[in-house]
PDB file of N, CA and C in Angstrom:
ATOM      1  N   PRO A   1      29.831 -81.711 213.350  1.00  0.00           N
ATOM      2  CA  PRO A   1      29.749 -83.145 213.668  1.00  0.00           C
ATOM      3  C   PRO A   1      28.318 -83.685 213.505  1.00  0.00           C
ATOM      4  N   ALA A   2      28.247 -84.922 213.087  1.00  0.00           N
ATOM      5  CA  ALA A   2      26.951 -85.552 212.809  1.00  0.00           C
ATOM      6  C   ALA A   2      26.013 -85.509 214.008  1.00  0.00           C
ATOM      7  N   ALA A   3      26.531 -85.673 215.206  1.00  0.00           N
ATOM      8  CA  ALA A   3      25.687 -85.681 216.401  1.00  0.00           C
ATOM      9  C   ALA A   3      25.031 -84.324 216.656  1.00  0.00           C
ATOM     10  N   GLU A   4      25.546 -83.276 216.068  1.00  0.00           N
ATOM     11  CA  GLU A   4      24.997 -81.934 216.300  1.00  0.00           C
ATOM     12  C   GLU A   4      24.018 -81.483 215.222  1.00  0.00           C
ATOM     13  N   VAL A   5      23.896 -82.265 214.157  1.00  0.00           N
ATOM     14  CA  VAL A   5      23.065 -81.850 213.030  1.00  0.00           C
ATOM     15  C   VAL A   5      21.589 -81.750 213.421  1.00  0.00           C
ATOM     16  N   LEU A   6      21.031 -82.788 214.002  1.00  0.00           N
ATOM     17  CA  LEU A   6      19.606 -82.764 214.351  1.00  0.00           C
ATOM     18  C   LEU A   6      19.297 -81.677 215.378  1.00  0.00           C
ATOM     19  N   PRO A   7      20.043 -81.573 216.475  1.00  0.00           N
ATOM     20  CA  PRO A   7      19.744 -80.485 217.423  1.00  0.00           C
ATOM     21  C   PRO A   7      19.856 -79.095 216.785  1.00  0.00           C
ATOM     22  N   ALA A   8      20.827 -78.905 215.912  1.00  0.00           N
ATOM     23  CA  ALA A   8      20.977 -77.614 215.245  1.00  0.00           C
ATOM     24  C   ALA A   8      19.797 -77.348 214.309  1.00  0.00           C
ATOM     25  N   ALA A   9      19.368 -78.363 213.575  1.00  0.00           N
ATOM     26  CA  ALA A   9      18.227 -78.219 212.665  1.00  0.00           C
ATOM     27  C   ALA A   9      16.949 -77.908 213.445  1.00  0.00           C
ATOM     28  N   LEU A  10      16.753 -78.577 214.558  1.00  0.00           N
ATOM     29  CA  LEU A  10      15.568 -78.321 215.377  1.00  0.00           C
ATOM     30  C   LEU A  10      15.594 -76.924 215.984  1.00  0.00           C
ATOM     31  N   ALA A  11      16.761 -76.465 216.389  1.00  0.00           N
ATOM     32  CA  ALA A  11      16.889 -75.104 216.924  1.00  0.00           C
ATOM     33  C   ALA A  11      16.578 -74.076 215.842  1.00  0.00           C
ATOM     34  N   LEU A  12      17.068 -74.306 214.644  1.00  0.00           N
ATOM     35  CA  LEU A  12      16.783 -73.404 213.536  1.00  0.00           C
ATOM     36  C   LEU A  12      15.292 -73.409 213.204  1.00  0.00           C
ATOM     37  N   ALA A  13      14.681 -74.576 213.176  1.00  0.00           N
ATOM     38  CA  ALA A  13      13.244 -74.682 212.900  1.00  0.00           C
ATOM     39  C   ALA A  13      12.435 -73.937 213.956  1.00  0.00           C
ATOM     40  N   ALA A  14      12.850 -74.019 215.204  1.00  0.00           N
ATOM     41  CA  ALA A  14      12.157 -73.295 216.279  1.00  0.00           C
ATOM     42  C   ALA A  14      12.254 -71.792 216.067  1.00  0.00           C
ATOM     43  N   ARG A  15      13.419 -71.310 215.669  1.00  0.00           N
ATOM     44  CA  ARG A  15      13.592 -69.869 215.405  1.00  0.00           C
ATOM     45  C   ARG A  15      12.725 -69.425 214.235  1.00  0.00           C
ATOM     46  N   ILE A  16      12.684 -70.221 213.184  1.00  0.00           N
ATOM     47  CA  ILE A  16      11.873 -69.887 212.014  1.00  0.00           C
ATOM     48  C   ILE A  16      10.398 -69.849 212.386  1.00  0.00           C
ATOM     49  N   SER A  17       9.947 -70.795 213.199  1.00  0.00           N
ATOM     50  CA  SER A  17       8.528 -70.871 213.553  1.00  0.00           C
ATOM     51  C   SER A  17       8.073 -69.709 214.429  1.00  0.00           C
ATOM     52  N   GLU A  18       8.993 -68.960 214.983  1.00  0.00           N
ATOM     53  CA  GLU A  18       8.635 -67.783 215.782  1.00  0.00           C
ATOM     54  C   GLU A  18       8.282 -66.581 214.901  1.00  0.00           C
ATOM     55  N   ASN A  19       8.596 -66.656 213.622  1.00  0.00           N
ATOM     56  CA  ASN A  19       8.327 -65.563 212.698  1.00  0.00           C
ATOM     57  C   ASN A  19       6.899 -65.628 212.173  1.00  0.00           C
ATOM     58  N   GLY A  20       6.466 -64.526 211.580  1.00  0.00           N
ATOM     59  CA  GLY A  20       5.114 -64.465 211.032  1.00  0.00           C
ATOM     60  C   GLY A  20       4.896 -65.499 209.948  1.00  0.00           C
ATOM     61  N   PRO A  21       3.762 -66.187 209.978  1.00  0.00           N
ATOM     62  CA  PRO A  21       3.518 -67.261 209.013  1.00  0.00           C
ATOM     63  C   PRO A  21       3.460 -66.783 207.563  1.00  0.00           C
ATOM     64  N   LEU A  22       2.975 -65.574 207.320  1.00  0.00           N
ATOM     65  CA  LEU A  22       2.941 -65.072 205.944  1.00  0.00           C
ATOM     66  C   LEU A  22       4.351 -64.899 205.395  1.00  0.00           C
ATOM     67  N   GLY A  23       5.218 -64.304 206.188  1.00  0.00           N
ATOM     68  CA  GLY A  23       6.607 -64.100 205.765  1.00  0.00           C
ATOM     69  C   GLY A  23       7.343 -65.400 205.556  1.00  0.00           C
ATOM     70  N   VAL A  24       7.101 -66.365 206.439  1.00  0.00           N
ATOM     71  CA  VAL A  24       7.751 -67.672 206.308  1.00  0.00           C
ATOM     72  C   VAL A  24       7.275 -68.368 205.034  1.00  0.00           C
ATOM     73  N   ALA A  25       5.974 -68.314 204.779  1.00  0.00           N
ATOM     74  CA  ALA A  25       5.435 -68.971 203.581  1.00  0.00           C
ATOM     75  C   ALA A  25       6.003 -68.347 202.305  1.00  0.00           C
ATOM     76  N   VAL A  26       6.058 -67.021 202.256  1.00  0.00           N
ATOM     77  CA  VAL A  26       6.595 -66.357 201.069  1.00  0.00           C
ATOM     78  C   VAL A  26       8.084 -66.676 200.913  1.00  0.00           C
ATOM     79  N   THR A  27       8.818 -66.676 202.005  1.00  0.00           N
ATOM     80  CA  THR A  27      10.241 -67.009 201.942  1.00  0.00           C
ATOM     81  C   THR A  27      10.449 -68.413 201.384  1.00  0.00           C
ATOM     82  N   LYS A  28       9.623 -69.361 201.821  1.00  0.00           N
ATOM     83  CA  LYS A  28       9.738 -70.727 201.297  1.00  0.00           C
ATOM     84  C   LYS A  28       9.464 -70.757 199.794  1.00  0.00           C
ATOM     85  N   ARG A  29       8.419 -70.018 199.353  1.00  0.00           N
ATOM     86  CA  ARG A  29       8.121 -69.963 197.915  1.00  0.00           C
ATOM     87  C   ARG A  29       9.277 -69.337 197.141  1.00  0.00           C
ATOM     88  N   LEU A  30       9.874 -68.294 197.709  1.00  0.00           N
ATOM     89  CA  LEU A  30      11.005 -67.648 197.041  1.00  0.00           C
ATOM     90  C   LEU A  30      12.190 -68.595 196.921  1.00  0.00           C
ATOM     91  N   MET A  31      12.485 -69.335 197.959  1.00  0.00           N
ATOM     92  CA  MET A  31      13.613 -70.265 197.911  1.00  0.00           C
ATOM     93  C   MET A  31      13.368 -71.374 196.892  1.00  0.00           C
ATOM     94  N   ARG A  32      12.144 -71.881 196.869  1.00  0.00           N
ATOM     95  CA  ARG A  32      11.821 -72.910 195.866  1.00  0.00           C
ATOM     96  C   ARG A  32      11.941 -72.341 194.453  1.00  0.00           C
ATOM     97  N   THR A  33      11.480 -71.123 194.279  1.00  0.00           N
ATOM     98  CA  THR A  33      11.517 -70.486 192.963  1.00  0.00           C
ATOM     99  C   THR A  33      12.944 -70.254 192.499  1.00  0.00           C
ATOM    100  N   VAL A  34      13.809 -69.761 193.387  1.00  0.00           N
ATOM    101  CA  VAL A  34      15.187 -69.489 192.978  1.00  0.00           C
ATOM    102  C   VAL A  34      15.896 -70.784 192.573  1.00  0.00           C
ATOM    103  N   VAL A  35      15.574 -71.890 193.230  1.00  0.00           N
ATOM    104  CA  VAL A  35      16.200 -73.169 192.890  1.00  0.00           C
ATOM    105  C   VAL A  35      15.657 -73.710 191.564  1.00  0.00           C
ATOM    106  N   SER A  36      14.347 -73.611 191.378  1.00  0.00           N
ATOM    107  CA  SER A  36      13.754 -74.222 190.191  1.00  0.00           C
ATOM    108  C   SER A  36      13.738 -73.313 188.955  1.00  0.00           C
ATOM    109  N   GLN A  37      13.666 -71.972 189.174  1.00  0.00           N
ATOM    110  CA  GLN A  37      13.500 -71.077 188.030  1.00  0.00           C
ATOM    111  C   GLN A  37      14.560 -69.982 187.941  1.00  0.00           C
ATOM    112  N   GLY A  38      15.348 -69.817 188.977  1.00  0.00           N
ATOM    113  CA  GLY A  38      16.413 -68.824 188.929  1.00  0.00           C
ATOM    114  C   GLY A  38      16.121 -67.562 189.721  1.00  0.00           C
ATOM    115  N   VAL A  39      17.160 -66.751 189.849  1.00  0.00           N
ATOM    116  CA  VAL A  39      17.096 -65.542 190.663  1.00  0.00           C
ATOM    117  C   VAL A  39      16.107 -64.526 190.106  1.00  0.00           C
ATOM    118  N   GLU A  40      16.098 -64.337 188.806  1.00  0.00           N
ATOM    119  CA  GLU A  40      15.204 -63.333 188.224  1.00  0.00           C
ATOM    120  C   GLU A  40      13.742 -63.676 188.485  1.00  0.00           C
ATOM    121  N   ALA A  41      13.374 -64.930 188.369  1.00  0.00           N
ATOM    122  CA  ALA A  41      12.000 -65.344 188.664  1.00  0.00           C
ATOM    123  C   ALA A  41      11.671 -65.109 190.134  1.00  0.00           C
ATOM    124  N   ALA A  42      12.623 -65.349 191.007  1.00  0.00           N
ATOM    125  CA  ALA A  42      12.409 -65.111 192.433  1.00  0.00           C
ATOM    126  C   ALA A  42      12.248 -63.617 192.714  1.00  0.00           C
ATOM    127  N   ARG A  43      13.007 -62.782 192.017  1.00  0.00           N
ATOM    128  CA  ARG A  43      12.857 -61.325 192.183  1.00  0.00           C
ATOM    129  C   ARG A  43      11.462 -60.879 191.767  1.00  0.00           C
ATOM    130  N   GLU A  44      10.984 -61.413 190.659  1.00  0.00           N
ATOM    131  CA  GLU A  44       9.642 -61.066 190.192  1.00  0.00           C
ATOM    132  C   GLU A  44       8.587 -61.509 191.206  1.00  0.00           C
ATOM    133  N   LEU A  45       8.738 -62.702 191.738  1.00  0.00           N
ATOM    134  CA  LEU A  45       7.810 -63.198 192.745  1.00  0.00           C
ATOM    135  C   LEU A  45       7.869 -62.335 193.998  1.00  0.00           C
ATOM    136  N   ALA A  46       9.063 -61.954 194.426  1.00  0.00           N
ATOM    137  CA  ALA A  46       9.210 -61.108 195.612  1.00  0.00           C
ATOM    138  C   ALA A  46       8.482 -59.784 195.427  1.00  0.00           C
ATOM    139  N   ALA A  47       8.587 -59.202 194.251  1.00  0.00           N
ATOM    140  CA  ALA A  47       7.903 -57.935 193.977  1.00  0.00           C
ATOM    141  C   ALA A  47       6.383 -58.110 194.056  1.00  0.00           C
ATOM    142  N   LYS A  48       5.886 -59.239 193.546  1.00  0.00           N
ATOM    143  CA  LYS A  48       4.448 -59.502 193.575  1.00  0.00           C
ATOM    144  C   LYS A  48       3.948 -59.761 194.996  1.00  0.00           C
ATOM    145  N   GLU A  49       4.756 -60.435 195.803  1.00  0.00           N
ATOM    146  CA  GLU A  49       4.345 -60.846 197.148  1.00  0.00           C
ATOM    147  C   GLU A  49       4.588 -59.775 198.212  1.00  0.00           C
ATOM    148  N   HIS A  50       5.365 -58.757 197.882  1.00  0.00           N
ATOM    149  CA  HIS A  50       5.785 -57.758 198.874  1.00  0.00           C
ATOM    150  C   HIS A  50       4.618 -57.204 199.694  1.00  0.00           C
ATOM    151  N   ASP A  51       3.618 -56.670 199.025  1.00  0.00           N
ATOM    152  CA  ASP A  51       2.509 -56.038 199.742  1.00  0.00           C
ATOM    153  C   ASP A  51       1.710 -57.028 200.580  1.00  0.00           C
ATOM    154  N   SER A  52       1.585 -58.261 200.111  1.00  0.00           N
ATOM    155  CA  SER A  52       0.806 -59.239 200.875  1.00  0.00           C
ATOM    156  C   SER A  52       1.418 -59.510 202.240  1.00  0.00           C
ATOM    157  N   VAL A  53       2.720 -59.317 202.367  1.00  0.00           N
ATOM    158  CA  VAL A  53       3.387 -59.509 203.651  1.00  0.00           C
ATOM    159  C   VAL A  53       3.479 -58.188 204.415  1.00  0.00           C
ATOM    160  N   PHE A  54       4.004 -57.163 203.768  1.00  0.00           N
ATOM    161  CA  PHE A  54       4.326 -55.924 204.483  1.00  0.00           C
ATOM    162  C   PHE A  54       3.116 -55.033 204.772  1.00  0.00           C
ATOM    163  N   LYS A  55       1.984 -55.304 204.144  1.00  0.00           N
ATOM    164  CA  LYS A  55       0.771 -54.548 204.437  1.00  0.00           C
ATOM    165  C   LYS A  55      -0.268 -55.407 205.164  1.00  0.00           C
ATOM    166  N   SER A  56       0.172 -56.490 205.737  1.00  0.00           N
ATOM    167  CA  SER A  56      -0.732 -57.420 206.416  1.00  0.00           C
ATOM    168  C   SER A  56      -0.957 -57.017 207.876  1.00  0.00           C
ATOM    169  N   GLU A  57      -1.980 -57.610 208.478  1.00  0.00           N
ATOM    170  CA  GLU A  57      -2.211 -57.433 209.916  1.00  0.00           C
ATOM    171  C   GLU A  57      -0.994 -57.904 210.713  1.00  0.00           C
ATOM    172  N   ASP A  58      -0.388 -58.994 210.256  1.00  0.00           N
ATOM    173  CA  ASP A  58       0.777 -59.523 210.968  1.00  0.00           C
ATOM    174  C   ASP A  58       1.955 -58.555 210.947  1.00  0.00           C
ATOM    175  N   ALA A  59       2.126 -57.810 209.859  1.00  0.00           N
ATOM    176  CA  ALA A  59       3.217 -56.830 209.800  1.00  0.00           C
ATOM    177  C   ALA A  59       3.009 -55.751 210.856  1.00  0.00           C
ATOM    178  N   LEU A  60       1.778 -55.288 210.977  1.00  0.00           N
ATOM    179  CA  LEU A  60       1.459 -54.289 211.996  1.00  0.00           C
ATOM    180  C   LEU A  60       1.653 -54.869 213.390  1.00  0.00           C
ATOM    181  N   GLU A  61       1.215 -56.091 213.582  1.00  0.00           N
ATOM    182  CA  GLU A  61       1.391 -56.754 214.876  1.00  0.00           C
ATOM    183  C   GLU A  61       2.862 -56.913 215.214  1.00  0.00           C
ATOM    184  N   GLY A  62       3.670 -57.274 214.247  1.00  0.00           N
ATOM    185  CA  GLY A  62       5.099 -57.429 214.488  1.00  0.00           C
ATOM    186  C   GLY A  62       5.745 -56.127 214.932  1.00  0.00           C
ATOM    187  N   SER A  63       5.381 -55.040 214.280  1.00  0.00           N
ATOM    188  CA  SER A  63       5.909 -53.724 214.648  1.00  0.00           C
ATOM    189  C   SER A  63       5.459 -53.318 216.042  1.00  0.00           C
ATOM    190  N   ARG A  64       4.185 -53.525 216.320  1.00  0.00           N
ATOM    191  CA  ARG A  64       3.668 -53.190 217.655  1.00  0.00           C
ATOM    192  C   ARG A  64       4.343 -54.019 218.735  1.00  0.00           C
ATOM    193  N   ALA A  65       4.453 -55.308 218.489  1.00  0.00           N
ATOM    194  CA  ALA A  65       5.061 -56.192 219.481  1.00  0.00           C
ATOM    195  C   ALA A  65       6.511 -55.794 219.741  1.00  0.00           C
ATOM    196  N   PHE A  66       7.233 -55.438 218.696  1.00  0.00           N
ATOM    197  CA  PHE A  66       8.618 -55.009 218.858  1.00  0.00           C
ATOM    198  C   PHE A  66       8.677 -53.741 219.706  1.00  0.00           C
ATOM    199  N   ALA A  67       7.836 -52.763 219.393  1.00  0.00           N
ATOM    200  CA  ALA A  67       7.824 -51.499 220.124  1.00  0.00           C
ATOM    201  C   ALA A  67       7.431 -51.708 221.585  1.00  0.00           C
ATOM    202  N   GLU A  68       6.531 -52.662 221.814  1.00  0.00           N
ATOM    203  CA  GLU A  68       6.050 -52.938 223.165  1.00  0.00           C
ATOM    204  C   GLU A  68       6.891 -53.997 223.880  1.00  0.00           C
ATOM    205  N   LYS A  69       7.928 -54.476 223.212  1.00  0.00           N
ATOM    206  CA  LYS A  69       8.839 -55.485 223.777  1.00  0.00           C
ATOM    207  C   LYS A  69       8.088 -56.726 224.279  1.00  0.00           C
ATOM    208  N   ARG A  70       7.252 -57.246 223.382  1.00  0.00           N
ATOM    209  CA  ARG A  70       6.495 -58.454 223.698  1.00  0.00           C
ATOM    210  C   ARG A  70       6.541 -59.407 222.512  1.00  0.00           C
ATOM    211  N   THR A  71       6.134 -60.620 222.738  1.00  0.00           N
ATOM    212  CA  THR A  71       6.068 -61.634 221.686  1.00  0.00           C
ATOM    213  C   THR A  71       4.863 -61.356 220.798  1.00  0.00           C
ATOM    214  N   PRO A  72       5.045 -61.346 219.481  1.00  0.00           N
ATOM    215  CA  PRO A  72       3.907 -61.109 218.594  1.00  0.00           C
ATOM    216  C   PRO A  72       2.909 -62.265 218.632  1.00  0.00           C
ATOM    217  N   GLN A  73       1.661 -61.920 218.415  1.00  0.00           N
ATOM    218  CA  GLN A  73       0.592 -62.911 218.323  1.00  0.00           C
ATOM    219  C   GLN A  73       0.152 -62.953 216.857  1.00  0.00           C
ATOM    220  N   TRP A  74       0.776 -63.845 216.101  1.00  0.00           N
ATOM    221  CA  TRP A  74       0.522 -63.915 214.662  1.00  0.00           C
ATOM    222  C   TRP A  74      -0.863 -64.463 214.377  1.00  0.00           C
ATOM    223  N   LYS A  75      -1.501 -63.947 213.334  1.00  0.00           N
ATOM    224  CA  LYS A  75      -2.818 -64.419 212.897  1.00  0.00           C
ATOM    225  C   LYS A  75      -2.797 -65.003 211.496  1.00  0.00           C
ATOM    226  N   GLY A  76      -1.704 -64.790 210.768  1.00  0.00           N
ATOM    227  CA  GLY A  76      -1.631 -65.305 209.408  1.00  0.00           C
ATOM    228  C   GLY A  76      -2.466 -64.523 208.420  1.00  0.00           C
ATOM    229  N   ARG A  77      -2.666 -63.232 208.737  1.00  0.00           N
ATOM    230  CA  ARG A  77      -3.407 -62.370 207.807  1.00  0.00           C
ATOM    231  C   ARG A  77      -2.851 -60.969 207.848  1.00  0.00           C
TER     232      ARG A  77
END
């Protein structure tokens, strides 16, 4: 229903904003790429961006926070 669209969108945005900023930024680039250039271009971009996200300080922080059952403190690096 139309009355539920904005609250649902805001709830989704809140969930997304809780994630690491590097991962969110790369995900946005991937989605834009798949729409404008296709799946294969997005796969190539994902391969290039993989290490920048998964070897970042934020990736380590996310793992630590999960293990320690606490909210991660993202730094965007």
